[in-house]
Amino acid sequence: MKKTLVVLLAIVAVAAAGCKKKEEAPQAPAQQAPAAAPATQMPAAAPGTDPHAGLKPQEVKPGAGHKGKVLETMDSGGYTYVLIEEKGEKLWVAAMQTQVKVGDTVEFPDSPPMINFQSKTLKRTFDKIIFAPGLAVNK
């Protein structure tokens, strides 16, 4: 009987210590600066909330990768969608909402494109679109 009691107390002690260690694990900062997060990763947000609340487009420096003339632009769902012409090819690019007009020249870093992206807010499917961390607008 004493052996069983000792074993049970040992199990409870180990379980309690394990639980306590999980609570003491280092916590991630509540708000991470957008520049510190990889461009391909969006911060987690609670369902039904705006995942981009408080975030701003990243600054893009000249010579970032792609450069083209804006042929079409629209804002929806916190994003700016631009159709650009770069070296004779048309390409859709989306970035966090940015002021841009038809005729402006924009620059943005190279990112892997998304194929057959469905925008629920625009009710449209883009055959190929690049989500850029930001746009540099040259008027």
Protein backbone atom coordinates (compact mmCIF):
# COMPACT_ATOMS: atom_id res chain seq x y z
CA MET A 1 0.00 0.00 0.00
CA LYS A 2 2.83 2.38 0.91
CA LYS A 3 4.58 1.58 -2.39
CA THR A 4 1.46 2.44 -4.39
CA LEU A 5 1.01 5.69 -2.50
CA VAL A 6 4.68 6.67 -3.08
CA VAL A 7 4.40 5.88 -6.80
CA LEU A 8 1.17 7.90 -7.12
CA LEU A 9 2.71 10.86 -5.30
CA ALA A 10 5.77 10.68 -7.56
CA ILE A 11 3.55 10.69 -10.68
CA VAL A 12 1.55 13.66 -9.40
CA ALA A 13 4.75 15.54 -8.53
CA VAL A 14 6.24 14.94 -12.01
CA ALA A 15 2.99 15.96 -13.70
CA ALA A 16 2.74 19.13 -11.60
CA ALA A 17 6.37 20.02 -12.33
CA GLY A 18 5.78 19.45 -16.06
CA CYS A 19 2.74 21.73 -16.04
CA LYS A 20 4.60 24.41 -14.16
CA LYS A 21 7.47 24.38 -16.66
CA LYS A 22 5.04 24.92 -19.55
CA GLU A 23 3.63 27.99 -17.82
CA GLU A 24 7.12 29.39 -17.30
CA ALA A 25 8.14 28.95 -20.94
CA PRO A 26 9.25 32.22 -22.57
CA GLN A 27 6.34 34.07 -24.13
CA ALA A 28 6.54 35.56 -27.63
CA PRO A 29 6.20 39.35 -27.72
CA ALA A 30 2.56 40.42 -28.01
CA GLN A 31 3.28 42.58 -31.03
CA GLN A 32 6.16 41.94 -33.39
CA ALA A 33 7.45 44.61 -35.72
CA PRO A 34 6.55 43.81 -39.34
CA ALA A 35 10.16 44.20 -40.46
CA ALA A 36 11.22 41.39 -38.10
CA ALA A 37 8.72 38.89 -39.51
CA PRO A 38 9.56 37.03 -42.73
CA ALA A 39 7.65 38.32 -45.73
CA THR A 40 6.05 34.95 -46.29
CA GLN A 41 4.61 34.71 -42.83
CA MET A 42 1.63 36.64 -41.53
CA PRO A 43 1.08 37.08 -37.80
CA ALA A 44 -1.64 34.95 -36.26
CA ALA A 45 -4.93 36.65 -35.46
CA ALA A 46 -8.10 35.60 -33.71
CA PRO A 47 -10.88 34.49 -36.07
CA GLY A 48 -13.09 37.37 -37.16
CA THR A 49 -10.46 40.05 -36.47
CA ASP A 50 -8.35 42.04 -38.90
CA PRO A 51 -4.97 40.27 -39.14
CA HIS A 52 -3.42 43.48 -40.50
CA ALA A 53 -4.63 45.84 -37.76
CA GLY A 54 -1.81 48.17 -36.82
CA LEU A 55 0.57 46.88 -39.50
CA LYS A 56 2.00 49.20 -42.14
CA PRO A 57 3.56 48.40 -45.51
CA GLN A 58 7.28 47.74 -45.32
CA GLU A 59 9.55 50.36 -46.80
CA VAL A 60 10.90 49.23 -50.15
CA LYS A 61 14.13 50.75 -51.37
CA PRO A 62 14.86 51.49 -55.04
CA GLY A 63 16.39 48.57 -56.91
CA ALA A 64 14.40 46.06 -54.82
CA GLY A 65 13.84 43.59 -57.65
CA HIS A 66 10.81 44.28 -59.84
CA LYS A 67 9.92 47.62 -61.41
CA GLY A 68 6.98 48.42 -63.62
CA LYS A 69 4.37 50.94 -64.72
CA VAL A 70 0.93 50.74 -63.07
CA LEU A 71 -1.78 49.94 -65.64
CA GLU A 72 -4.63 49.29 -63.19
CA THR A 73 -5.11 49.59 -59.43
CA MET A 74 -7.79 48.80 -56.86
CA ASP A 75 -8.03 48.62 -53.07
CA SER A 76 -9.90 45.86 -51.28
CA GLY A 77 -9.69 44.04 -47.96
CA GLY A 78 -6.73 46.12 -46.72
CA TYR A 79 -4.68 45.40 -49.86
CA THR A 80 -3.81 47.38 -52.95
CA TYR A 81 -3.86 45.30 -56.11
CA VAL A 82 -1.87 46.67 -59.05
CA LEU A 83 -1.48 45.41 -62.58
CA ILE A 84 1.96 46.43 -63.75
CA GLU A 85 3.80 46.17 -67.02
CA GLU A 86 7.39 45.05 -66.58
CA LYS A 87 9.57 44.47 -69.63
CA GLY A 88 6.52 43.95 -71.85
CA GLU A 89 4.81 41.49 -69.49
CA LYS A 90 1.76 42.17 -67.33
CA LEU A 91 1.88 41.09 -63.70
CA TRP A 92 -0.55 41.43 -60.78
CA VAL A 93 0.95 42.48 -57.45
CA ALA A 94 -0.76 42.87 -54.08
CA ALA A 95 0.63 44.70 -51.06
CA MET A 96 -0.81 46.20 -47.91
CA GLN A 97 -2.92 49.21 -48.85
CA THR A 98 -0.72 51.84 -50.50
CA GLN A 99 -1.53 55.07 -52.33
CA VAL A 100 -0.79 54.46 -56.00
CA LYS A 101 -2.25 55.74 -59.28
CA VAL A 102 -2.37 54.52 -62.86
CA GLY A 103 0.79 55.76 -64.57
CA ASP A 104 2.97 55.58 -61.43
CA THR A 105 6.06 53.39 -61.48
CA VAL A 106 6.33 50.93 -58.59
CA GLU A 107 9.16 48.77 -57.29
CA PHE A 108 8.88 45.72 -55.06
CA PRO A 109 11.04 42.78 -53.97
CA ASP A 110 10.85 39.46 -55.75
CA SER A 111 8.53 36.94 -54.09
CA PRO A 112 7.17 33.60 -55.26
CA PRO A 113 3.85 34.05 -57.09
CA MET A 114 0.57 32.52 -55.98
CA ILE A 115 -1.25 30.64 -58.72
CA ASN A 116 -5.06 30.78 -59.06
CA PHE A 117 -5.47 33.05 -56.02
CA GLN A 118 -9.13 33.71 -55.18
CA SER A 119 -9.83 37.12 -53.66
CA LYS A 120 -13.06 36.86 -51.69
CA THR A 121 -13.37 40.64 -51.32
CA LEU A 122 -12.96 41.26 -55.05
CA LYS A 123 -14.85 38.07 -56.02
CA ARG A 124 -12.12 37.40 -58.54
CA THR A 125 -9.47 34.78 -59.27
CA PHE A 126 -5.99 35.91 -60.29
CA ASP A 127 -4.15 33.41 -62.51
CA LYS A 128 -0.83 34.56 -61.04
CA ILE A 129 -0.20 37.22 -58.38
CA ILE A 130 2.75 38.26 -56.23
CA PHE A 131 2.12 39.35 -52.63
CA ALA A 132 4.82 41.90 -51.91
CA PRO A 133 5.78 43.15 -48.43
CA GLY A 134 5.44 46.72 -49.74
CA LEU A 135 5.59 48.96 -52.80
CA ALA A 136 7.94 51.86 -53.55
CA VAL A 137 5.90 54.36 -55.57
CA ASN A 138 7.70 56.65 -58.00
CA LYS A 139 5.34 59.28 -59.42
